Amino acid sequence: MSSHEQSYRAGEAKGHAQATLSEKTGRAMDTVKDKAQAARDKASEAADTTRDKASEMAESGRETAAAGKEKTGGLLQKTGEQVKGMAQGAADAVKHTFGMAEEEDKEDVFKKRDTTNY
């Protein structure tokens, strides 16, 4: 075999080797790209799930706070009305005791009582 023929075969072998390497590299790159895309998709899905859960928890917290506010407001209003009624009754009793009650209040002062529930 001549030197020229050996050179030709060596070049041909080198070309095949480069083509094979290029093909393998391309497949490896495709695999890496696919895995990277899968990781991005999974991370995006996890972020969406976390965002949705946080939103649900925040809404639940707002609802709980509103319910507590309504309950507390009602209790404070009821207590205020009770205190106001007791204070008015005490004021009427003192007026009656010292003779300062008006005529219409004199007969009812001891009959009046706080009708709110304690």
N, C-alpha and C. Protein backbone atom coordinates (compact mmCIF):
# COMPACT_ATOMS: atom_id res chain seq x y z
N MET A 1 0.84 -1.15 0.00
CA MET A 1 0.00 0.00 0.00
C MET A 1 0.90 1.23 0.00
N SER A 2 0.49 2.17 -0.78
CA SER A 2 1.33 3.34 -0.93
C SER A 2 1.09 4.32 0.20
N SER A 3 2.01 5.19 0.31
CA SER A 3 1.95 6.21 1.34
C SER A 3 0.73 7.10 1.12
N HIS A 4 0.45 7.32 -0.12
CA HIS A 4 -0.70 8.16 -0.45
C HIS A 4 -2.00 7.48 -0.03
N GLU A 5 -2.10 6.18 -0.29
CA GLU A 5 -3.28 5.42 0.08
C GLU A 5 -3.42 5.35 1.59
N GLN A 6 -2.33 5.20 2.31
CA GLN A 6 -2.37 5.16 3.77
C GLN A 6 -2.85 6.50 4.32
N SER A 7 -2.37 7.56 3.74
CA SER A 7 -2.79 8.90 4.15
C SER A 7 -4.28 9.08 3.92
N TYR A 8 -4.73 8.57 2.76
CA TYR A 8 -6.15 8.71 2.44
C TYR A 8 -7.00 7.97 3.46
N ARG A 9 -6.62 6.73 3.79
CA ARG A 9 -7.39 5.92 4.75
C ARG A 9 -7.33 6.52 6.15
N ALA A 10 -6.19 7.07 6.48
CA ALA A 10 -6.06 7.71 7.80
C ALA A 10 -6.99 8.92 7.87
N GLY A 11 -7.05 9.70 6.82
CA GLY A 11 -7.95 10.86 6.79
C GLY A 11 -9.40 10.44 6.85
N GLU A 12 -9.70 9.35 6.12
CA GLU A 12 -11.06 8.84 6.12
C GLU A 12 -11.45 8.37 7.52
N ALA A 13 -10.58 7.67 8.18
CA ALA A 13 -10.84 7.18 9.54
C ALA A 13 -11.02 8.35 10.50
N LYS A 14 -10.19 9.37 10.33
CA LYS A 14 -10.29 10.55 11.18
C LYS A 14 -11.64 11.24 10.95
N GLY A 15 -12.08 11.33 9.72
CA GLY A 15 -13.37 11.94 9.38
C GLY A 15 -14.52 11.19 10.01
N HIS A 16 -14.46 9.85 9.94
CA HIS A 16 -15.51 9.02 10.56
C HIS A 16 -15.51 9.20 12.08
N ALA A 17 -14.34 9.27 12.65
CA ALA A 17 -14.23 9.44 14.10
C ALA A 17 -14.82 10.80 14.51
N GLN A 18 -14.52 11.83 13.75
CA GLN A 18 -15.05 13.16 14.07
C GLN A 18 -16.57 13.18 13.91
N ALA A 19 -17.09 12.54 12.90
CA ALA A 19 -18.53 12.48 12.67
C ALA A 19 -19.22 11.73 13.82
N THR A 20 -18.62 10.62 14.22
CA THR A 20 -19.18 9.84 15.32
C THR A 20 -19.15 10.65 16.61
N LEU A 21 -18.03 11.32 16.85
CA LEU A 21 -17.91 12.15 18.06
C LEU A 21 -18.91 13.29 18.03
N SER A 22 -19.07 13.91 16.89
CA SER A 22 -20.02 15.01 16.75
C SER A 22 -21.45 14.53 17.00
N GLU A 23 -21.78 13.36 16.48
CA GLU A 23 -23.11 12.78 16.68
C GLU A 23 -23.36 12.47 18.16
N LYS A 24 -22.37 11.87 18.81
CA LYS A 24 -22.50 11.56 20.23
C LYS A 24 -22.62 12.83 21.07
N THR A 25 -21.83 13.84 20.70
CA THR A 25 -21.87 15.11 21.42
C THR A 25 -23.26 15.75 21.26
N GLY A 26 -23.78 15.68 20.05
CA GLY A 26 -25.13 16.23 19.78
C GLY A 26 -26.19 15.53 20.61
N ARG A 27 -26.14 14.21 20.70
CA ARG A 27 -27.10 13.46 21.51
C ARG A 27 -26.97 13.81 22.98
N ALA A 28 -25.72 13.94 23.44
CA ALA A 28 -25.49 14.29 24.85
C ALA A 28 -26.05 15.69 25.14
N MET A 29 -25.84 16.62 24.21
CA MET A 29 -26.36 17.98 24.38
C MET A 29 -27.89 17.97 24.42
N ASP A 30 -28.50 17.17 23.55
CA ASP A 30 -29.96 17.06 23.56
C ASP A 30 -30.47 16.51 24.89
N THR A 31 -29.78 15.52 25.41
CA THR A 31 -30.16 14.93 26.71
C THR A 31 -30.05 15.98 27.82
N VAL A 32 -28.96 16.72 27.80
CA VAL A 32 -28.77 17.76 28.82
C VAL A 32 -29.85 18.83 28.69
N LYS A 33 -30.18 19.24 27.47
CA LYS A 33 -31.22 20.24 27.26
C LYS A 33 -32.58 19.74 27.76
N ASP A 34 -32.88 18.47 27.46
CA ASP A 34 -34.15 17.90 27.92
C ASP A 34 -34.23 17.87 29.44
N LYS A 35 -33.14 17.48 30.07
CA LYS A 35 -33.13 17.43 31.54
C LYS A 35 -33.23 18.83 32.14
N ALA A 36 -32.58 19.79 31.53
CA ALA A 36 -32.64 21.17 32.01
C ALA A 36 -34.07 21.72 31.89
N GLN A 37 -34.72 21.42 30.77
CA GLN A 37 -36.11 21.87 30.57
C GLN A 37 -37.03 21.20 31.59
N ALA A 38 -36.83 19.92 31.85
CA ALA A 38 -37.64 19.22 32.84
C ALA A 38 -37.44 19.84 34.23
N ALA A 39 -36.22 20.20 34.56
CA ALA A 39 -35.94 20.83 35.85
C ALA A 39 -36.62 22.20 35.94
N ARG A 40 -36.57 22.98 34.85
CA ARG A 40 -37.25 24.29 34.83
C ARG A 40 -38.75 24.13 35.01
N ASP A 41 -39.31 23.15 34.30
CA ASP A 41 -40.76 22.91 34.41
C ASP A 41 -41.15 22.51 35.84
N LYS A 42 -40.35 21.66 36.43
CA LYS A 42 -40.64 21.21 37.80
C LYS A 42 -40.52 22.37 38.78
N ALA A 43 -39.50 23.21 38.63
CA ALA A 43 -39.32 24.36 39.51
C ALA A 43 -40.46 25.35 39.34
N SER A 44 -40.90 25.56 38.12
CA SER A 44 -42.01 26.48 37.87
C SER A 44 -43.29 25.95 38.49
N GLU A 45 -43.52 24.66 38.36
CA GLU A 45 -44.70 24.03 38.95
C GLU A 45 -44.68 24.14 40.47
N ALA A 46 -43.52 23.92 41.07
CA ALA A 46 -43.38 24.03 42.53
C ALA A 46 -43.62 25.47 42.98
N ALA A 47 -43.13 26.43 42.22
CA ALA A 47 -43.34 27.85 42.56
C ALA A 47 -44.82 28.20 42.47
N ASP A 48 -45.50 27.71 41.44
CA ASP A 48 -46.94 27.96 41.30
C ASP A 48 -47.71 27.36 42.47
N THR A 49 -47.37 26.15 42.83
CA THR A 49 -48.03 25.48 43.95
C THR A 49 -47.81 26.24 45.25
N THR A 50 -46.59 26.68 45.47
CA THR A 50 -46.27 27.44 46.68
C THR A 50 -47.02 28.76 46.70
N ARG A 51 -47.06 29.44 45.57
CA ARG A 51 -47.78 30.72 45.47
C ARG A 51 -49.27 30.52 45.76
N ASP A 52 -49.86 29.46 45.19
CA ASP A 52 -51.28 29.18 45.41
C ASP A 52 -51.55 28.87 46.88
N LYS A 53 -50.70 28.08 47.49
CA LYS A 53 -50.87 27.71 48.90
C LYS A 53 -50.74 28.95 49.79
N ALA A 54 -49.77 29.80 49.50
CA ALA A 54 -49.59 31.03 50.28
C ALA A 54 -50.81 31.93 50.14
N SER A 55 -51.36 32.01 48.95
CA SER A 55 -52.56 32.82 48.73
C SER A 55 -53.74 32.27 49.52
N GLU A 56 -53.90 30.96 49.52
CA GLU A 56 -54.98 30.33 50.29
C GLU A 56 -54.81 30.60 51.79
N MET A 57 -53.60 30.49 52.26
CA MET A 57 -53.34 30.71 53.69
C MET A 57 -53.59 32.17 54.06
N ALA A 58 -53.22 33.10 53.20
CA ALA A 58 -53.45 34.52 53.47
C ALA A 58 -54.94 34.81 53.51
N GLU A 59 -55.69 34.24 52.59
CA GLU A 59 -57.15 34.44 52.57
C GLU A 59 -57.78 33.86 53.83
N SER A 60 -57.33 32.70 54.23
CA SER A 60 -57.84 32.09 55.46
C SER A 60 -57.54 32.97 56.67
N GLY A 61 -56.36 33.54 56.70
CA GLY A 61 -55.98 34.44 57.80
C GLY A 61 -56.85 35.68 57.82
N ARG A 62 -57.13 36.24 56.63
CA ARG A 62 -58.01 37.42 56.56
C ARG A 62 -59.40 37.09 57.06
N GLU A 63 -59.92 35.92 56.66
CA GLU A 63 -61.27 35.52 57.09
C GLU A 63 -61.31 35.32 58.60
N THR A 64 -60.30 34.69 59.15
CA THR A 64 -60.24 34.47 60.59
C THR A 64 -60.17 35.79 61.33
N ALA A 65 -59.37 36.71 60.84
CA ALA A 65 -59.25 38.03 61.48
C ALA A 65 -60.58 38.78 61.42
N ALA A 66 -61.26 38.70 60.29
CA ALA A 66 -62.55 39.39 60.15
C ALA A 66 -63.58 38.81 61.11
N ALA A 67 -63.60 37.48 61.22
CA ALA A 67 -64.54 36.84 62.14
C ALA A 67 -64.24 37.23 63.58
N GLY A 68 -62.97 37.26 63.95
CA GLY A 68 -62.58 37.67 65.30
C GLY A 68 -62.95 39.11 65.57
N LYS A 69 -62.78 39.96 64.57
CA LYS A 69 -63.12 41.37 64.73
C LYS A 69 -64.61 41.55 64.94
N GLU A 70 -65.42 40.83 64.16
CA GLU A 70 -66.86 40.91 64.32
C GLU A 70 -67.29 40.43 65.70
N LYS A 71 -66.72 39.33 66.14
CA LYS A 71 -67.08 38.78 67.44
C LYS A 71 -66.68 39.73 68.56
N THR A 72 -65.48 40.27 68.48
CA THR A 72 -64.99 41.20 69.51
C THR A 72 -65.81 42.47 69.51
N GLY A 73 -66.13 42.99 68.32
CA GLY A 73 -66.93 44.21 68.21
C GLY A 73 -68.30 44.03 68.85
N GLY A 74 -68.94 42.90 68.61
CA GLY A 74 -70.25 42.62 69.20
C GLY A 74 -70.17 42.53 70.71
N LEU A 75 -69.14 41.90 71.20
CA LEU A 75 -68.97 41.74 72.65
C LEU A 75 -68.74 43.10 73.30
N LEU A 76 -67.90 43.92 72.70
CA LEU A 76 -67.63 45.24 73.26
C LEU A 76 -68.88 46.12 73.23
N GLN A 77 -69.65 46.03 72.17
CA GLN A 77 -70.88 46.82 72.08
C GLN A 77 -71.87 46.39 73.16
N LYS A 78 -72.03 45.11 73.35
CA LYS A 78 -72.95 44.59 74.37
C LYS A 78 -72.49 45.03 75.76
N THR A 79 -71.21 44.92 76.02
CA THR A 79 -70.67 45.33 77.32
C THR A 79 -70.87 46.82 77.53
N GLY A 80 -70.64 47.62 76.51
CA GLY A 80 -70.84 49.06 76.61
C GLY A 80 -72.28 49.41 76.93
N GLU A 81 -73.21 48.71 76.28
CA GLU A 81 -74.62 48.96 76.55
C GLU A 81 -74.97 48.58 77.99
N GLN A 82 -74.42 47.49 78.47
CA GLN A 82 -74.69 47.07 79.86
C GLN A 82 -74.17 48.10 80.85
N VAL A 83 -72.96 48.57 80.62
CA VAL A 83 -72.36 49.56 81.52
C VAL A 83 -73.18 50.85 81.48
N LYS A 84 -73.58 51.25 80.29
CA LYS A 84 -74.39 52.46 80.15
C LYS A 84 -75.72 52.32 80.90
N GLY A 85 -76.37 51.18 80.77
CA GLY A 85 -77.63 50.94 81.48
C GLY A 85 -77.45 50.97 82.99
N MET A 86 -76.39 50.35 83.47
CA MET A 86 -76.13 50.34 84.92
C MET A 86 -75.81 51.74 85.42
N ALA A 87 -75.05 52.50 84.66
CA ALA A 87 -74.72 53.86 85.07
C ALA A 87 -75.97 54.74 85.11
N GLN A 88 -76.84 54.59 84.13
CA GLN A 88 -78.08 55.37 84.12
C GLN A 88 -78.95 55.00 85.31
N GLY A 89 -79.03 53.72 85.62
CA GLY A 89 -79.80 53.28 86.78
C GLY A 89 -79.23 53.84 88.07
N ALA A 90 -77.92 53.84 88.20
CA ALA A 90 -77.28 54.38 89.40
C ALA A 90 -77.52 55.88 89.50
N ALA A 91 -77.43 56.58 88.36
CA ALA A 91 -77.67 58.03 88.37
C ALA A 91 -79.10 58.33 88.78
N ASP A 92 -80.05 57.57 88.28
CA ASP A 92 -81.45 57.77 88.65
C ASP A 92 -81.68 57.51 90.13
N ALA A 93 -81.03 56.47 90.66
CA ALA A 93 -81.18 56.16 92.09
C ALA A 93 -80.61 57.28 92.95
N VAL A 94 -79.47 57.83 92.56
CA VAL A 94 -78.87 58.93 93.32
C VAL A 94 -79.78 60.16 93.26
N LYS A 95 -80.30 60.49 92.09
CA LYS A 95 -81.22 61.63 91.95
C LYS A 95 -82.43 61.44 92.85
N HIS A 96 -82.98 60.25 92.86
CA HIS A 96 -84.16 59.97 93.67
C HIS A 96 -83.81 60.10 95.16
N THR A 97 -82.67 59.58 95.56
CA THR A 97 -82.26 59.62 96.95
C THR A 97 -82.13 61.06 97.43
N PHE A 98 -81.59 61.92 96.62
CA PHE A 98 -81.38 63.32 97.01
C PHE A 98 -82.55 64.22 96.61
N GLY A 99 -83.61 63.63 96.13
CA GLY A 99 -84.79 64.40 95.78
C GLY A 99 -84.63 65.21 94.51
N MET A 100 -83.75 64.82 93.66
CA MET A 100 -83.49 65.57 92.43
C MET A 100 -84.18 64.95 91.23
N ALA A 101 -84.88 63.85 91.43
CA ALA A 101 -85.52 63.16 90.31
C ALA A 101 -86.73 63.95 89.85
N GLU A 102 -87.02 63.89 88.57
CA GLU A 102 -88.21 64.53 88.04
C GLU A 102 -89.41 63.70 88.45
N GLU A 103 -90.60 64.28 88.44
CA GLU A 103 -91.80 63.62 88.94
C GLU A 103 -92.04 62.28 88.26
N GLU A 104 -91.89 62.22 86.96
CA GLU A 104 -92.17 60.98 86.24
C GLU A 104 -91.17 59.88 86.58
N ASP A 105 -89.94 60.26 86.97
CA ASP A 105 -88.92 59.27 87.31
C ASP A 105 -89.07 58.76 88.73
N LYS A 106 -89.76 59.52 89.63
CA LYS A 106 -89.81 59.16 91.05
C LYS A 106 -90.48 57.83 91.27
N GLU A 107 -91.56 57.56 90.59
CA GLU A 107 -92.27 56.31 90.84
C GLU A 107 -91.62 55.11 90.15
N ASP A 108 -90.85 55.33 89.08
CA ASP A 108 -90.26 54.22 88.32
C ASP A 108 -88.81 53.89 88.69
N VAL A 109 -88.18 54.71 89.53
CA VAL A 109 -86.75 54.54 89.73
C VAL A 109 -86.37 53.18 90.30
N PHE A 110 -87.14 52.63 91.17
CA PHE A 110 -86.78 51.35 91.75
C PHE A 110 -87.34 50.17 90.95
N LYS A 111 -88.24 50.45 90.03
CA LYS A 111 -88.79 49.41 89.17
C LYS A 111 -87.90 49.18 87.95
N LYS A 112 -87.14 50.20 87.59
CA LYS A 112 -86.26 50.08 86.43
C LYS A 112 -85.16 49.06 86.72
N ARG A 113 -84.88 48.28 85.76
CA ARG A 113 -83.75 47.40 85.88
C ARG A 113 -83.16 47.16 84.51
N ASP A 114 -81.93 46.78 84.54
CA ASP A 114 -81.22 46.53 83.28
C ASP A 114 -81.76 45.23 82.69
N THR A 115 -82.30 45.31 81.48
CA THR A 115 -82.89 44.12 80.86
C THR A 115 -81.92 43.40 79.93
N THR A 116 -80.72 43.91 79.81
CA THR A 116 -79.74 43.21 78.96
C THR A 116 -79.22 42.00 79.71
N ASN A 117 -78.82 41.01 78.96
CA ASN A 117 -78.29 39.78 79.57
C ASN A 117 -76.82 39.95 79.93
N TYR A 118 -76.46 39.47 81.07
CA TYR A 118 -75.08 39.58 81.52
C TYR A 118 -74.33 38.35 81.13
